[in-house]
């Protein structure tokens, strides 16, 4: 037998972090773009943006800095708080898997 679990973190009753949401942050960090991250995650841009907005609203601070597209295209990068939160989630999750 092998125990399984699905970890998520709520703040004031709002889901602010989960495996999927952290993967979205990681994809944004890797690609530098919400649209490319959404593509990588096989979801619509709207869905990715909606989840980011939910997370930021629930936490009360920004997780990404986004630049609006134009001739040169836009972009997105994690804030220091966003990067720290992503790393802390992964460290906590790893601690659950350690023997």
N, C-alpha and C. Protein backbone atom coordinates (compact mmCIF):
# COMPACT_ATOMS: atom_id res chain seq x y z
N UNK A 1 0.84 -1.18 0.00
CA UNK A 1 0.00 0.00 0.00
C UNK A 1 0.88 1.24 0.00
N UNK A 2 0.35 2.28 -0.60
CA UNK A 2 1.07 3.55 -0.68
C UNK A 2 0.09 4.70 -0.46
N UNK A 3 0.34 5.51 0.57
CA UNK A 3 -0.59 6.63 0.81
C UNK A 3 -0.45 7.69 -0.28
N UNK A 4 -1.56 8.33 -0.61
CA UNK A 4 -1.60 9.41 -1.60
C UNK A 4 -2.33 10.59 -0.98
N UNK A 5 -2.00 11.78 -1.44
CA UNK A 5 -2.69 12.96 -0.96
C UNK A 5 -2.64 14.05 -2.01
N UNK A 6 -3.54 14.99 -1.87
CA UNK A 6 -3.59 16.16 -2.74
C UNK A 6 -3.49 17.38 -1.82
N UNK A 7 -2.40 18.11 -1.94
CA UNK A 7 -2.13 19.23 -1.05
C UNK A 7 -2.62 20.53 -1.68
N UNK A 8 -3.34 21.32 -0.90
CA UNK A 8 -3.66 22.68 -1.29
C UNK A 8 -3.66 23.54 -0.04
N UNK A 9 -3.48 24.83 -0.24
CA UNK A 9 -3.43 25.77 0.88
C UNK A 9 -4.49 26.83 0.66
N UNK A 10 -5.26 27.07 1.72
CA UNK A 10 -6.32 28.08 1.68
C UNK A 10 -5.94 29.24 2.58
N UNK A 11 -6.43 30.41 2.23
CA UNK A 11 -6.30 31.60 3.07
C UNK A 11 -7.66 32.27 3.10
N UNK A 12 -8.24 32.38 4.27
CA UNK A 12 -9.59 32.95 4.43
C UNK A 12 -10.61 32.24 3.54
N UNK A 13 -10.50 30.91 3.46
CA UNK A 13 -11.46 30.11 2.71
C UNK A 13 -11.24 30.09 1.21
N UNK A 14 -10.17 30.71 0.72
CA UNK A 14 -9.88 30.75 -0.72
C UNK A 14 -8.64 29.91 -0.99
N UNK A 15 -8.72 29.02 -1.99
CA UNK A 15 -7.55 28.23 -2.36
C UNK A 15 -6.54 29.18 -3.00
N UNK A 16 -5.36 29.27 -2.39
CA UNK A 16 -4.34 30.17 -2.92
C UNK A 16 -3.15 29.40 -3.51
N UNK A 17 -2.96 28.17 -3.09
CA UNK A 17 -1.88 27.34 -3.65
C UNK A 17 -2.35 25.90 -3.74
N UNK A 18 -1.90 25.25 -4.79
CA UNK A 18 -2.13 23.82 -4.99
C UNK A 18 -1.05 23.35 -5.94
N UNK A 19 -0.98 22.06 -6.15
CA UNK A 19 0.01 21.52 -7.08
C UNK A 19 -0.15 22.18 -8.46
N UNK A 20 -1.38 22.24 -8.96
CA UNK A 20 -1.62 22.82 -10.28
C UNK A 20 -1.24 24.30 -10.32
N UNK A 21 -1.59 25.04 -9.30
CA UNK A 21 -1.31 26.47 -9.28
C UNK A 21 0.20 26.74 -9.19
N UNK A 22 0.92 25.91 -8.44
CA UNK A 22 2.37 26.07 -8.36
C UNK A 22 3.01 25.70 -9.70
N UNK A 23 2.47 24.69 -10.37
CA UNK A 23 2.97 24.35 -11.71
C UNK A 23 2.76 25.52 -12.67
N UNK A 24 1.65 26.23 -12.53
CA UNK A 24 1.41 27.41 -13.35
C UNK A 24 2.46 28.48 -13.07
N UNK A 25 2.75 28.73 -11.81
CA UNK A 25 3.79 29.71 -11.46
C UNK A 25 5.14 29.27 -12.02
N UNK A 26 5.45 27.99 -11.92
CA UNK A 26 6.71 27.48 -12.46
C UNK A 26 6.78 27.66 -13.97
N UNK A 27 5.66 27.41 -14.65
CA UNK A 27 5.62 27.57 -16.11
C UNK A 27 5.80 29.04 -16.50
N UNK A 28 5.22 29.95 -15.74
CA UNK A 28 5.41 31.38 -16.01
C UNK A 28 6.87 31.74 -15.78
N UNK A 29 7.45 31.21 -14.73
CA UNK A 29 8.85 31.47 -14.42
C UNK A 29 9.76 30.96 -15.55
N UNK A 30 9.44 29.80 -16.09
CA UNK A 30 10.25 29.20 -17.15
C UNK A 30 10.07 29.88 -18.50
N UNK A 31 8.84 30.28 -18.82
CA UNK A 31 8.54 30.81 -20.16
C UNK A 31 8.58 32.33 -20.23
N UNK A 32 8.41 33.01 -19.07
CA UNK A 32 8.35 34.47 -19.07
C UNK A 32 7.07 35.01 -19.66
N UNK A 33 6.02 34.18 -19.69
CA UNK A 33 4.77 34.58 -20.34
C UNK A 33 3.59 33.80 -19.77
N UNK A 34 2.49 34.50 -19.52
CA UNK A 34 1.28 33.82 -19.06
C UNK A 34 0.70 33.00 -20.19
N UNK A 35 0.68 33.54 -21.41
CA UNK A 35 0.09 32.80 -22.53
C UNK A 35 0.89 31.55 -22.86
N UNK A 36 2.22 31.64 -22.83
CA UNK A 36 3.03 30.44 -23.10
C UNK A 36 2.91 29.43 -21.95
N UNK A 37 2.80 29.93 -20.74
CA UNK A 37 2.60 29.04 -19.59
C UNK A 37 1.26 28.32 -19.72
N UNK A 38 0.21 29.04 -20.11
CA UNK A 38 -1.11 28.44 -20.30
C UNK A 38 -1.05 27.37 -21.38
N UNK A 39 -0.37 27.69 -22.46
CA UNK A 39 -0.21 26.73 -23.55
C UNK A 39 0.50 25.47 -23.05
N UNK A 40 1.56 25.64 -22.30
CA UNK A 40 2.31 24.53 -21.74
C UNK A 40 1.44 23.67 -20.83
N UNK A 41 0.54 24.34 -20.08
CA UNK A 41 -0.34 23.64 -19.14
C UNK A 41 -1.61 23.12 -19.82
N UNK A 42 -1.75 23.43 -21.11
CA UNK A 42 -2.91 22.99 -21.89
C UNK A 42 -4.23 23.54 -21.35
N UNK A 43 -4.20 24.83 -21.00
CA UNK A 43 -5.40 25.55 -20.58
C UNK A 43 -5.45 26.86 -21.36
N UNK A 44 -6.60 27.50 -21.33
CA UNK A 44 -6.72 28.78 -22.01
C UNK A 44 -6.00 29.87 -21.23
N UNK A 45 -5.64 30.93 -21.93
CA UNK A 45 -5.04 32.09 -21.29
C UNK A 45 -5.98 32.62 -20.21
N UNK A 46 -7.27 32.67 -20.55
CA UNK A 46 -8.28 33.18 -19.61
C UNK A 46 -8.28 32.37 -18.32
N UNK A 47 -8.20 31.06 -18.43
CA UNK A 47 -8.20 30.19 -17.24
C UNK A 47 -6.95 30.44 -16.38
N UNK A 48 -5.79 30.55 -17.02
CA UNK A 48 -4.55 30.81 -16.29
C UNK A 48 -4.63 32.16 -15.58
N UNK A 49 -5.09 33.18 -16.30
CA UNK A 49 -5.18 34.52 -15.71
C UNK A 49 -6.19 34.53 -14.55
N UNK A 50 -7.30 33.82 -14.72
CA UNK A 50 -8.32 33.73 -13.68
C UNK A 50 -7.74 33.12 -12.40
N UNK A 51 -6.97 32.04 -12.52
CA UNK A 51 -6.38 31.39 -11.35
C UNK A 51 -5.33 32.29 -10.69
N UNK A 52 -4.53 32.97 -11.50
CA UNK A 52 -3.55 33.92 -10.95
C UNK A 52 -4.25 35.01 -10.16
N UNK A 53 -5.32 35.54 -10.73
CA UNK A 53 -6.08 36.60 -10.07
C UNK A 53 -6.67 36.09 -8.74
N UNK A 54 -7.22 34.88 -8.74
CA UNK A 54 -7.77 34.30 -7.51
C UNK A 54 -6.69 34.18 -6.43
N UNK A 55 -5.51 33.72 -6.84
CA UNK A 55 -4.41 33.55 -5.90
C UNK A 55 -3.99 34.90 -5.32
N UNK A 56 -3.81 35.89 -6.18
CA UNK A 56 -3.38 37.21 -5.72
C UNK A 56 -4.43 37.87 -4.84
N UNK A 57 -5.69 37.74 -5.21
CA UNK A 57 -6.77 38.30 -4.39
C UNK A 57 -6.81 37.62 -3.02
N UNK A 58 -6.70 36.29 -3.01
CA UNK A 58 -6.75 35.54 -1.76
C UNK A 58 -5.58 35.83 -0.84
N UNK A 59 -4.40 36.05 -1.43
CA UNK A 59 -3.20 36.32 -0.64
C UNK A 59 -3.07 37.78 -0.25
N UNK A 60 -3.61 38.66 -1.09
CA UNK A 60 -3.51 40.09 -0.82
C UNK A 60 -2.23 40.72 -1.34
N UNK A 61 -1.51 40.02 -2.21
CA UNK A 61 -0.32 40.61 -2.85
C UNK A 61 -0.08 39.97 -4.21
N UNK A 62 0.74 40.65 -5.01
CA UNK A 62 1.01 40.21 -6.37
C UNK A 62 2.02 39.07 -6.40
N UNK A 63 1.75 38.11 -7.29
CA UNK A 63 2.65 36.99 -7.50
C UNK A 63 3.46 37.16 -8.78
N UNK A 64 2.92 37.97 -9.71
CA UNK A 64 3.62 38.20 -10.97
C UNK A 64 3.56 39.68 -11.34
N UNK A 65 4.53 40.09 -12.10
CA UNK A 65 4.52 41.39 -12.76
C UNK A 65 4.35 41.09 -14.25
N UNK A 66 3.30 41.63 -14.84
CA UNK A 66 3.02 41.37 -16.26
C UNK A 66 3.12 42.66 -17.04
N UNK A 67 3.67 42.55 -18.24
CA UNK A 67 3.73 43.67 -19.17
C UNK A 67 2.78 43.36 -20.33
N UNK A 68 1.98 44.34 -20.68
CA UNK A 68 1.01 44.17 -21.76
C UNK A 68 1.74 44.00 -23.07
N UNK A 69 1.21 43.12 -23.92
CA UNK A 69 1.81 42.87 -25.23
C UNK A 69 1.73 44.08 -26.14
N UNK A 70 2.40 44.01 -27.20
CA UNK A 70 2.44 45.08 -28.19
C UNK A 70 3.26 44.58 -29.35
N UNK A 71 3.93 45.47 -30.04
CA UNK A 71 4.74 45.08 -31.19
C UNK A 71 5.81 44.06 -30.79
N UNK A 72 6.44 44.26 -29.64
CA UNK A 72 7.48 43.35 -29.17
C UNK A 72 6.95 42.23 -28.29
N UNK A 73 5.64 42.22 -28.05
CA UNK A 73 5.05 41.21 -27.17
C UNK A 73 5.15 41.62 -25.72
N UNK A 74 4.37 40.98 -24.89
CA UNK A 74 4.38 41.27 -23.45
C UNK A 74 5.29 40.30 -22.73
N UNK A 75 5.04 40.14 -21.49
CA UNK A 75 5.83 39.21 -20.70
C UNK A 75 5.34 39.19 -19.27
N UNK A 76 5.85 38.24 -18.52
CA UNK A 76 5.48 38.12 -17.11
C UNK A 76 6.64 37.50 -16.35
N UNK A 77 6.81 37.97 -15.14
CA UNK A 77 7.82 37.38 -14.27
C UNK A 77 7.28 37.32 -12.86
N UNK A 78 7.77 36.35 -12.11
CA UNK A 78 7.33 36.21 -10.73
C UNK A 78 7.91 37.33 -9.89
N UNK A 79 7.11 37.80 -8.94
CA UNK A 79 7.62 38.74 -7.95
C UNK A 79 8.48 37.93 -6.97
N UNK A 80 9.23 38.62 -6.14
CA UNK A 80 10.02 37.93 -5.11
C UNK A 80 9.10 37.11 -4.20
N UNK A 81 7.94 37.69 -3.85
CA UNK A 81 6.99 36.98 -3.00
C UNK A 81 6.45 35.74 -3.71
N UNK A 82 6.17 35.88 -5.01
CA UNK A 82 5.68 34.74 -5.78
C UNK A 82 6.70 33.62 -5.85
N UNK A 83 7.94 33.97 -6.11
CA UNK A 83 9.02 32.97 -6.20
C UNK A 83 9.23 32.32 -4.82
N UNK A 84 9.22 33.11 -3.76
CA UNK A 84 9.39 32.57 -2.42
C UNK A 84 8.26 31.62 -2.04
N UNK A 85 7.03 32.00 -2.35
CA UNK A 85 5.88 31.17 -2.03
C UNK A 85 5.94 29.84 -2.78
N UNK A 86 6.33 29.90 -4.05
CA UNK A 86 6.47 28.70 -4.87
C UNK A 86 7.51 27.76 -4.26
N UNK A 87 8.66 28.30 -3.87
CA UNK A 87 9.73 27.49 -3.28
C UNK A 87 9.31 26.90 -1.93
N UNK A 88 8.62 27.69 -1.13
CA UNK A 88 8.17 27.20 0.18
C UNK A 88 7.15 26.08 0.04
N UNK A 89 6.26 26.21 -0.94
CA UNK A 89 5.27 25.16 -1.20
C UNK A 89 6.00 23.87 -1.57
N UNK A 90 6.97 23.96 -2.47
CA UNK A 90 7.73 22.78 -2.91
C UNK A 90 8.51 22.17 -1.75
N UNK A 91 9.11 22.98 -0.90
CA UNK A 91 9.87 22.48 0.25
C UNK A 91 8.93 21.75 1.23
N UNK A 92 7.77 22.33 1.48
CA UNK A 92 6.79 21.71 2.37
C UNK A 92 6.33 20.38 1.79
N UNK A 93 6.01 20.40 0.50
CA UNK A 93 5.56 19.19 -0.18
C UNK A 93 6.64 18.10 -0.12
N UNK A 94 7.90 18.48 -0.35
CA UNK A 94 9.00 17.52 -0.29
C UNK A 94 9.12 16.92 1.11
N UNK A 95 8.92 17.75 2.13
CA UNK A 95 8.97 17.26 3.50
C UNK A 95 7.94 16.19 3.77
N UNK A 96 6.81 16.26 3.11
CA UNK A 96 5.77 15.24 3.27
C UNK A 96 6.18 13.93 2.63
N UNK A 97 7.03 14.00 1.61
CA UNK A 97 7.46 12.80 0.90
C UNK A 97 8.71 12.16 1.52
N UNK A 98 9.46 12.95 2.29
CA UNK A 98 10.68 12.41 2.91
C UNK A 98 10.33 11.32 3.90
N UNK A 99 11.21 10.37 3.96
CA UNK A 99 10.96 9.24 4.89
C UNK A 99 11.50 9.54 6.26
